[in-house]
């Protein structure tokens, strides 16, 4: 049972299972999969491995707001 200060792990897993994969993120943002994977490996974005590596879309959007400039790729 989760406490008030401890998040519910089942809820987190259910939510994370809807996050996009590396491939889906790359396709949605029109960047190379290699770039997305590199940002996950460097822990620049929040991600979790379930059936595939899933990336928190809010974390990715925030990261891209700070570094992405159109035409870089």
PDB file of N, CA and C in Angstrom:
ATOM      1  N   UNK A   1       0.835  -1.171   0.000  1.00  0.00           N
ATOM      2  CA  UNK A   1       0.000   0.000   0.000  1.00  0.00           C
ATOM      3  C   UNK A   1       0.885   1.242   0.000  1.00  0.00           C
ATOM      4  N   UNK A   2       0.555   2.196  -0.851  1.00  0.00           N
ATOM      5  CA  UNK A   2       1.329   3.423  -0.958  1.00  0.00           C
ATOM      6  C   UNK A   2       0.964   4.377   0.173  1.00  0.00           C
ATOM      7  N   UNK A   3       1.953   5.097   0.652  1.00  0.00           N
ATOM      8  CA  UNK A   3       1.713   6.099   1.687  1.00  0.00           C
ATOM      9  C   UNK A   3       1.470   7.449   1.027  1.00  0.00           C
ATOM     10  N   UNK A   4       1.193   8.445   1.849  1.00  0.00           N
ATOM     11  CA  UNK A   4       0.918   9.772   1.321  1.00  0.00           C
ATOM     12  C   UNK A   4       2.128  10.363   0.595  1.00  0.00           C
ATOM     13  N   UNK A   5       3.325  10.079   1.064  1.00  0.00           N
ATOM     14  CA  UNK A   5       4.528  10.627   0.447  1.00  0.00           C
ATOM     15  C   UNK A   5       5.112   9.709  -0.623  1.00  0.00           C
ATOM     16  N   UNK A   6       4.624   8.509  -0.716  1.00  0.00           N
ATOM     17  CA  UNK A   6       5.145   7.522  -1.666  1.00  0.00           C
ATOM     18  C   UNK A   6       4.147   7.355  -2.815  1.00  0.00           C
ATOM     19  N   UNK A   7       4.593   7.530  -4.064  1.00  0.00           N
ATOM     20  CA  UNK A   7       3.673   7.386  -5.186  1.00  0.00           C
ATOM     21  C   UNK A   7       3.196   5.940  -5.345  1.00  0.00           C
ATOM     22  N   UNK A   8       2.032   5.803  -5.932  1.00  0.00           N
ATOM     23  CA  UNK A   8       1.455   4.484  -6.187  1.00  0.00           C
ATOM     24  C   UNK A   8       2.165   3.858  -7.390  1.00  0.00           C
ATOM     25  N   UNK A   9       2.937   2.785  -7.186  1.00  0.00           N
ATOM     26  CA  UNK A   9       3.700   2.205  -8.300  1.00  0.00           C
ATOM     27  C   UNK A   9       2.810   1.662  -9.423  1.00  0.00           C
ATOM     28  N   UNK A  10       1.670   1.098  -9.090  1.00  0.00           N
ATOM     29  CA  UNK A  10       0.780   0.575 -10.139  1.00  0.00           C
ATOM     30  C   UNK A  10       0.242   1.709 -11.003  1.00  0.00           C
ATOM     31  N   UNK A  11      -0.101   2.812 -10.376  1.00  0.00           N
ATOM     32  CA  UNK A  11      -0.594   3.968 -11.134  1.00  0.00           C
ATOM     33  C   UNK A  11       0.506   4.496 -12.055  1.00  0.00           C
ATOM     34  N   UNK A  12       1.729   4.574 -11.532  1.00  0.00           N
ATOM     35  CA  UNK A  12       2.852   5.044 -12.335  1.00  0.00           C
ATOM     36  C   UNK A  12       3.070   4.139 -13.550  1.00  0.00           C
ATOM     37  N   UNK A  13       3.034   2.820 -13.336  1.00  0.00           N
ATOM     38  CA  UNK A  13       3.248   1.870 -14.435  1.00  0.00           C
ATOM     39  C   UNK A  13       2.139   2.004 -15.481  1.00  0.00           C
ATOM     40  N   UNK A  14       0.900   2.136 -15.033  1.00  0.00           N
ATOM     41  CA  UNK A  14      -0.212   2.318 -15.988  1.00  0.00           C
ATOM     42  C   UNK A  14      -0.011   3.581 -16.812  1.00  0.00           C
ATOM     43  N   UNK A  15       0.368   4.670 -16.143  1.00  0.00           N
ATOM     44  CA  UNK A  15       0.589   5.928 -16.848  1.00  0.00           C
ATOM     45  C   UNK A  15       1.775   5.819 -17.803  1.00  0.00           C
ATOM     46  N   UNK A  16       2.877   5.266 -17.325  1.00  0.00           N
ATOM     47  CA  UNK A  16       4.091   5.151 -18.150  1.00  0.00           C
ATOM     48  C   UNK A  16       3.887   4.241 -19.357  1.00  0.00           C
ATOM     49  N   UNK A  17       2.994   3.271 -19.244  1.00  0.00           N
ATOM     50  CA  UNK A  17       2.760   2.368 -20.373  1.00  0.00           C
ATOM     51  C   UNK A  17       2.115   3.083 -21.554  1.00  0.00           C
ATOM     52  N   UNK A  18       1.600   4.289 -21.339  1.00  0.00           N
ATOM     53  CA  UNK A  18       1.011   5.060 -22.441  1.00  0.00           C
ATOM     54  C   UNK A  18       2.013   6.025 -23.062  1.00  0.00           C
ATOM     55  N   UNK A  19       3.190   6.175 -22.439  1.00  0.00           N
ATOM     56  CA  UNK A  19       4.203   7.069 -22.980  1.00  0.00           C
ATOM     57  C   UNK A  19       4.715   6.524 -24.308  1.00  0.00           C
ATOM     58  N   UNK A  20       5.161   7.391 -25.197  1.00  0.00           N
ATOM     59  CA  UNK A  20       5.681   6.927 -26.487  1.00  0.00           C
ATOM     60  C   UNK A  20       7.045   6.243 -26.360  1.00  0.00           C
ATOM     61  N   UNK A  21       7.322   5.380 -27.314  1.00  0.00           N
ATOM     62  CA  UNK A  21       8.621   4.712 -27.379  1.00  0.00           C
ATOM     63  C   UNK A  21       9.643   5.665 -28.007  1.00  0.00           C
ATOM     64  N   UNK A  22      10.877   5.226 -28.067  1.00  0.00           N
ATOM     65  CA  UNK A  22      11.919   6.022 -28.714  1.00  0.00           C
ATOM     66  C   UNK A  22      11.550   6.280 -30.173  1.00  0.00           C
ATOM     67  N   UNK A  23      11.126   5.253 -30.864  1.00  0.00           N
ATOM     68  CA  UNK A  23      10.760   5.392 -32.282  1.00  0.00           C
ATOM     69  C   UNK A  23       9.588   6.359 -32.456  1.00  0.00           C
ATOM     70  N   UNK A  24       8.571   6.210 -31.630  1.00  0.00           N
ATOM     71  CA  UNK A  24       7.403   7.082 -31.737  1.00  0.00           C
ATOM     72  C   UNK A  24       7.767   8.539 -31.446  1.00  0.00           C
ATOM     73  N   UNK A  25       8.634   8.740 -30.465  1.00  0.00           N
ATOM     74  CA  UNK A  25       9.076  10.097 -30.138  1.00  0.00           C
ATOM     75  C   UNK A  25       9.864  10.687 -31.300  1.00  0.00           C
ATOM     76  N   UNK A  26      10.767   9.902 -31.859  1.00  0.00           N
ATOM     77  CA  UNK A  26      11.571  10.375 -32.994  1.00  0.00           C
ATOM     78  C   UNK A  26      10.684  10.739 -34.181  1.00  0.00           C
ATOM     79  N   UNK A  27       9.706   9.907 -34.472  1.00  0.00           N
ATOM     80  CA  UNK A  27       8.813  10.188 -35.593  1.00  0.00           C
ATOM     81  C   UNK A  27       7.957  11.426 -35.332  1.00  0.00           C
ATOM     82  N   UNK A  28       7.455  11.573 -34.127  1.00  0.00           N
ATOM     83  CA  UNK A  28       6.595  12.711 -33.803  1.00  0.00           C
ATOM     84  C   UNK A  28       7.355  14.038 -33.863  1.00  0.00           C
ATOM     85  N   UNK A  29       8.620  14.016 -33.462  1.00  0.00           N
ATOM     86  CA  UNK A  29       9.419  15.245 -33.417  1.00  0.00           C
ATOM     87  C   UNK A  29      10.324  15.403 -34.636  1.00  0.00           C
ATOM     88  N   UNK A  30      10.292  14.441 -35.550  1.00  0.00           N
ATOM     89  CA  UNK A  30      11.100  14.493 -36.781  1.00  0.00           C
ATOM     90  C   UNK A  30      12.591  14.642 -36.477  1.00  0.00           C
ATOM     91  N   UNK A  31      13.046  13.806 -35.542  1.00  0.00           N
ATOM     92  CA  UNK A  31      14.470  13.756 -35.206  1.00  0.00           C
ATOM     93  C   UNK A  31      14.921  12.300 -35.320  1.00  0.00           C
ATOM     94  N   UNK A  32      16.213  12.047 -35.466  1.00  0.00           N
ATOM     95  CA  UNK A  32      16.701  10.678 -35.566  1.00  0.00           C
ATOM     96  C   UNK A  32      16.486   9.885 -34.260  1.00  0.00           C
ATOM     97  N   UNK A  33      16.179   8.607 -34.420  1.00  0.00           N
ATOM     98  CA  UNK A  33      16.039   7.729 -33.246  1.00  0.00           C
ATOM     99  C   UNK A  33      17.323   7.739 -32.421  1.00  0.00           C
ATOM    100  N   UNK A  34      18.435   7.790 -33.098  1.00  0.00           N
ATOM    101  CA  UNK A  34      19.732   7.808 -32.424  1.00  0.00           C
ATOM    102  C   UNK A  34      19.839   8.988 -31.460  1.00  0.00           C
ATOM    103  N   UNK A  35      19.303  10.139 -31.858  1.00  0.00           N
ATOM    104  CA  UNK A  35      19.327  11.328 -31.005  1.00  0.00           C
ATOM    105  C   UNK A  35      18.465  11.112 -29.759  1.00  0.00           C
ATOM    106  N   UNK A  36      17.267  10.574 -29.950  1.00  0.00           N
ATOM    107  CA  UNK A  36      16.360  10.325 -28.822  1.00  0.00           C
ATOM    108  C   UNK A  36      17.002   9.330 -27.860  1.00  0.00           C
ATOM    109  N   UNK A  37      17.541   8.244 -28.396  1.00  0.00           N
ATOM    110  CA  UNK A  37      18.191   7.230 -27.560  1.00  0.00           C
ATOM    111  C   UNK A  37      19.352   7.836 -26.773  1.00  0.00           C
ATOM    112  N   UNK A  38      20.109   8.705 -27.412  1.00  0.00           N
ATOM    113  CA  UNK A  38      21.233   9.350 -26.743  1.00  0.00           C
ATOM    114  C   UNK A  38      20.760  10.208 -25.564  1.00  0.00           C
ATOM    115  N   UNK A  39      19.663  10.926 -25.723  1.00  0.00           N
ATOM    116  CA  UNK A  39      19.139  11.759 -24.642  1.00  0.00           C
ATOM    117  C   UNK A  39      18.615  10.898 -23.487  1.00  0.00           C
ATOM    118  N   UNK A  40      18.062   9.732 -23.816  1.00  0.00           N
ATOM    119  CA  UNK A  40      17.618   8.803 -22.769  1.00  0.00           C
ATOM    120  C   UNK A  40      18.832   8.261 -22.022  1.00  0.00           C
ATOM    121  N   UNK A  41      19.851   7.829 -22.772  1.00  0.00           N
ATOM    122  CA  UNK A  41      21.056   7.280 -22.152  1.00  0.00           C
ATOM    123  C   UNK A  41      21.766   8.301 -21.281  1.00  0.00           C
ATOM    124  N   UNK A  42      21.729   9.557 -21.681  1.00  0.00           N
ATOM    125  CA  UNK A  42      22.368  10.620 -20.897  1.00  0.00           C
ATOM    126  C   UNK A  42      21.478  11.129 -19.767  1.00  0.00           C
ATOM    127  N   UNK A  43      20.294  10.560 -19.680  1.00  0.00           N
ATOM    128  CA  UNK A  43      19.316  10.919 -18.639  1.00  0.00           C
ATOM    129  C   UNK A  43      18.922  12.383 -18.688  1.00  0.00           C
ATOM    130  N   UNK A  44      18.796  12.883 -19.907  1.00  0.00           N
ATOM    131  CA  UNK A  44      18.335  14.266 -20.096  1.00  0.00           C
ATOM    132  C   UNK A  44      16.814  14.338 -20.075  1.00  0.00           C
ATOM    133  N   UNK A  45      16.168  13.182 -20.281  1.00  0.00           N
ATOM    134  CA  UNK A  45      14.702  13.104 -20.260  1.00  0.00           C
ATOM    135  C   UNK A  45      14.292  11.941 -19.375  1.00  0.00           C
ATOM    136  N   UNK A  46      13.097  12.029 -18.833  1.00  0.00           N
ATOM    137  CA  UNK A  46      12.578  10.951 -17.989  1.00  0.00           C
ATOM    138  C   UNK A  46      12.096   9.809 -18.879  1.00  0.00           C
ATOM    139  N   UNK A  47      12.546   8.614 -18.572  1.00  0.00           N
ATOM    140  CA  UNK A  47      12.161   7.433 -19.340  1.00  0.00           C
ATOM    141  C   UNK A  47      12.140   6.224 -18.419  1.00  0.00           C
ATOM    142  N   UNK A  48      11.399   5.214 -18.824  1.00  0.00           N
ATOM    143  CA  UNK A  48      11.317   3.986 -18.049  1.00  0.00           C
ATOM    144  C   UNK A  48      11.242   2.821 -19.032  1.00  0.00           C
ATOM    145  N   UNK A  49      11.817   1.703 -18.662  1.00  0.00           N
ATOM    146  CA  UNK A  49      11.751   0.528 -19.526  1.00  0.00           C
ATOM    147  C   UNK A  49      10.641  -0.383 -19.031  1.00  0.00           C
ATOM    148  N   UNK A  50       9.631  -0.540 -19.857  1.00  0.00           N
ATOM    149  CA  UNK A  50       8.559  -1.498 -19.568  1.00  0.00           C
ATOM    150  C   UNK A  50       8.692  -2.577 -20.637  1.00  0.00           C
ATOM    151  N   UNK A  51       7.777  -2.635 -21.590  1.00  0.00           N
ATOM    152  CA  UNK A  51       7.949  -3.554 -22.709  1.00  0.00           C
ATOM    153  C   UNK A  51       9.001  -3.007 -23.673  1.00  0.00           C
ATOM    154  N   UNK A  52       9.050  -1.703 -23.792  1.00  0.00           N
ATOM    155  CA  UNK A  52      10.060  -0.956 -24.536  1.00  0.00           C
ATOM    156  C   UNK A  52      10.473   0.195 -23.636  1.00  0.00           C
ATOM    157  N   UNK A  53      11.482   0.920 -24.041  1.00  0.00           N
ATOM    158  CA  UNK A  53      11.803   2.138 -23.303  1.00  0.00           C
ATOM    159  C   UNK A  53      10.709   3.141 -23.628  1.00  0.00           C
ATOM    160  N   UNK A  54      10.080   3.676 -22.603  1.00  0.00           N
ATOM    161  CA  UNK A  54       9.005   4.658 -22.758  1.00  0.00           C
ATOM    162  C   UNK A  54       9.507   6.000 -22.245  1.00  0.00           C
ATOM    163  N   UNK A  55       9.218   7.062 -22.982  1.00  0.00           N
ATOM    164  CA  UNK A  55       9.711   8.393 -22.652  1.00  0.00           C
ATOM    165  C   UNK A  55       8.557   9.257 -22.177  1.00  0.00           C
ATOM    166  N   UNK A  56       8.755   9.922 -21.061  1.00  0.00           N
ATOM    167  CA  UNK A  56       7.736  10.830 -20.551  1.00  0.00           C
ATOM    168  C   UNK A  56       7.594  11.968 -21.558  1.00  0.00           C
ATOM    169  N   UNK A  57       6.435  12.112 -22.191  1.00  0.00           N
ATOM    170  CA  UNK A  57       6.282  13.132 -23.234  1.00  0.00           C
ATOM    171  C   UNK A  57       6.449  14.562 -22.715  1.00  0.00           C
ATOM    172  N   UNK A  58       6.057  14.815 -21.476  1.00  0.00           N
ATOM    173  CA  UNK A  58       6.227  16.153 -20.903  1.00  0.00           C
ATOM    174  C   UNK A  58       7.714  16.459 -20.708  1.00  0.00           C
ATOM    175  N   UNK A  59       8.462  15.467 -20.263  1.00  0.00           N
ATOM    176  CA  UNK A  59       9.893  15.634 -20.076  1.00  0.00           C
ATOM    177  C   UNK A  59      10.579  15.901 -21.412  1.00  0.00           C
ATOM    178  N   UNK A  60      10.189  15.159 -22.447  1.00  0.00           N
ATOM    179  CA  UNK A  60      10.787  15.343 -23.769  1.00  0.00           C
ATOM    180  C   UNK A  60      10.443  16.726 -24.319  1.00  0.00           C
ATOM    181  N   UNK A  61       9.194  17.138 -24.199  1.00  0.00           N
ATOM    182  CA  UNK A  61       8.790  18.454 -24.708  1.00  0.00           C
ATOM    183  C   UNK A  61       9.570  19.563 -24.005  1.00  0.00           C
ATOM    184  N   UNK A  62       9.739  19.447 -22.702  1.00  0.00           N
ATOM    185  CA  UNK A  62      10.504  20.452 -21.949  1.00  0.00           C
ATOM    186  C   UNK A  62      11.962  20.475 -22.415  1.00  0.00           C
ATOM    187  N   UNK A  63      12.549  19.304 -22.611  1.00  0.00           N
ATOM    188  CA  UNK A  63      13.926  19.228 -23.096  1.00  0.00           C
ATOM    189  C   UNK A  63      14.044  19.898 -24.464  1.00  0.00           C
ATOM    190  N   UNK A  64      13.138  19.583 -25.357  1.00  0.00           N
ATOM    191  CA  UNK A  64      13.202  20.127 -26.709  1.00  0.00           C
ATOM    192  C   UNK A  64      12.992  21.642 -26.716  1.00  0.00           C
ATOM    193  N   UNK A  65      12.185  22.153 -25.819  1.00  0.00           N
ATOM    194  CA  UNK A  65      11.993  23.612 -25.730  1.00  0.00           C
ATOM    195  C   UNK A  65      13.313  24.316 -25.389  1.00  0.00           C
ATOM    196  N   UNK A  66      14.169  23.643 -24.655  1.00  0.00           N
ATOM    197  CA  UNK A  66      15.403  24.281 -24.223  1.00  0.00           C
ATOM    198  C   UNK A  66      16.556  24.125 -25.210  1.00  0.00           C
ATOM    199  N   UNK A  67      16.521  23.105 -26.072  1.00  0.00           N
ATOM    200  CA  UNK A  67      17.686  22.863 -26.926  1.00  0.00           C
ATOM    201  C   UNK A  67      17.394  22.814 -28.421  1.00  0.00           C
ATOM    202  N   UNK A  68      16.198  22.515 -28.829  1.00  0.00           N
ATOM    203  CA  UNK A  68      15.931  22.270 -30.235  1.00  0.00           C
ATOM    204  C   UNK A  68      15.803  23.565 -31.017  1.00  0.00           C
ATOM    205  N   UNK A  69      16.494  23.609 -32.125  1.00  0.00           N
ATOM    206  CA  UNK A  69      16.368  24.725 -33.049  1.00  0.00           C
ATOM    207  C   UNK A  69      16.054  24.126 -34.419  1.00  0.00           C
ATOM    208  N   UNK A  70      14.952  24.534 -35.041  1.00  0.00           N
ATOM    209  CA  UNK A  70      14.591  23.970 -36.347  1.00  0.00           C
ATOM    210  C   UNK A  70      15.764  24.030 -37.322  1.00  0.00           C
ATOM    211  N   UNK A  71      15.936  22.966 -38.060  1.00  0.00           N
ATOM    212  CA  UNK A  71      17.005  22.896 -39.039  1.00  0.00           C
ATOM    213  C   UNK A  71      18.294  22.316 -38.506  1.00  0.00           C
ATOM    214  N   UNK A  72      18.341  21.962 -37.230  1.00  0.00           N
ATOM    215  CA  UNK A  72      19.554  21.380 -36.649  1.00  0.00           C
ATOM    216  C   UNK A  72      19.817  19.979 -37.165  1.00  0.00           C
ATOM    217  N   UNK A  73      18.766  19.292 -37.614  1.00  0.00           N
ATOM    218  CA  UNK A  73      18.949  17.897 -38.022  1.00  0.00           C
ATOM    219  C   UNK A  73      18.809  17.762 -39.494  1.00  0.00           C
TER     220      UNK A  73
END
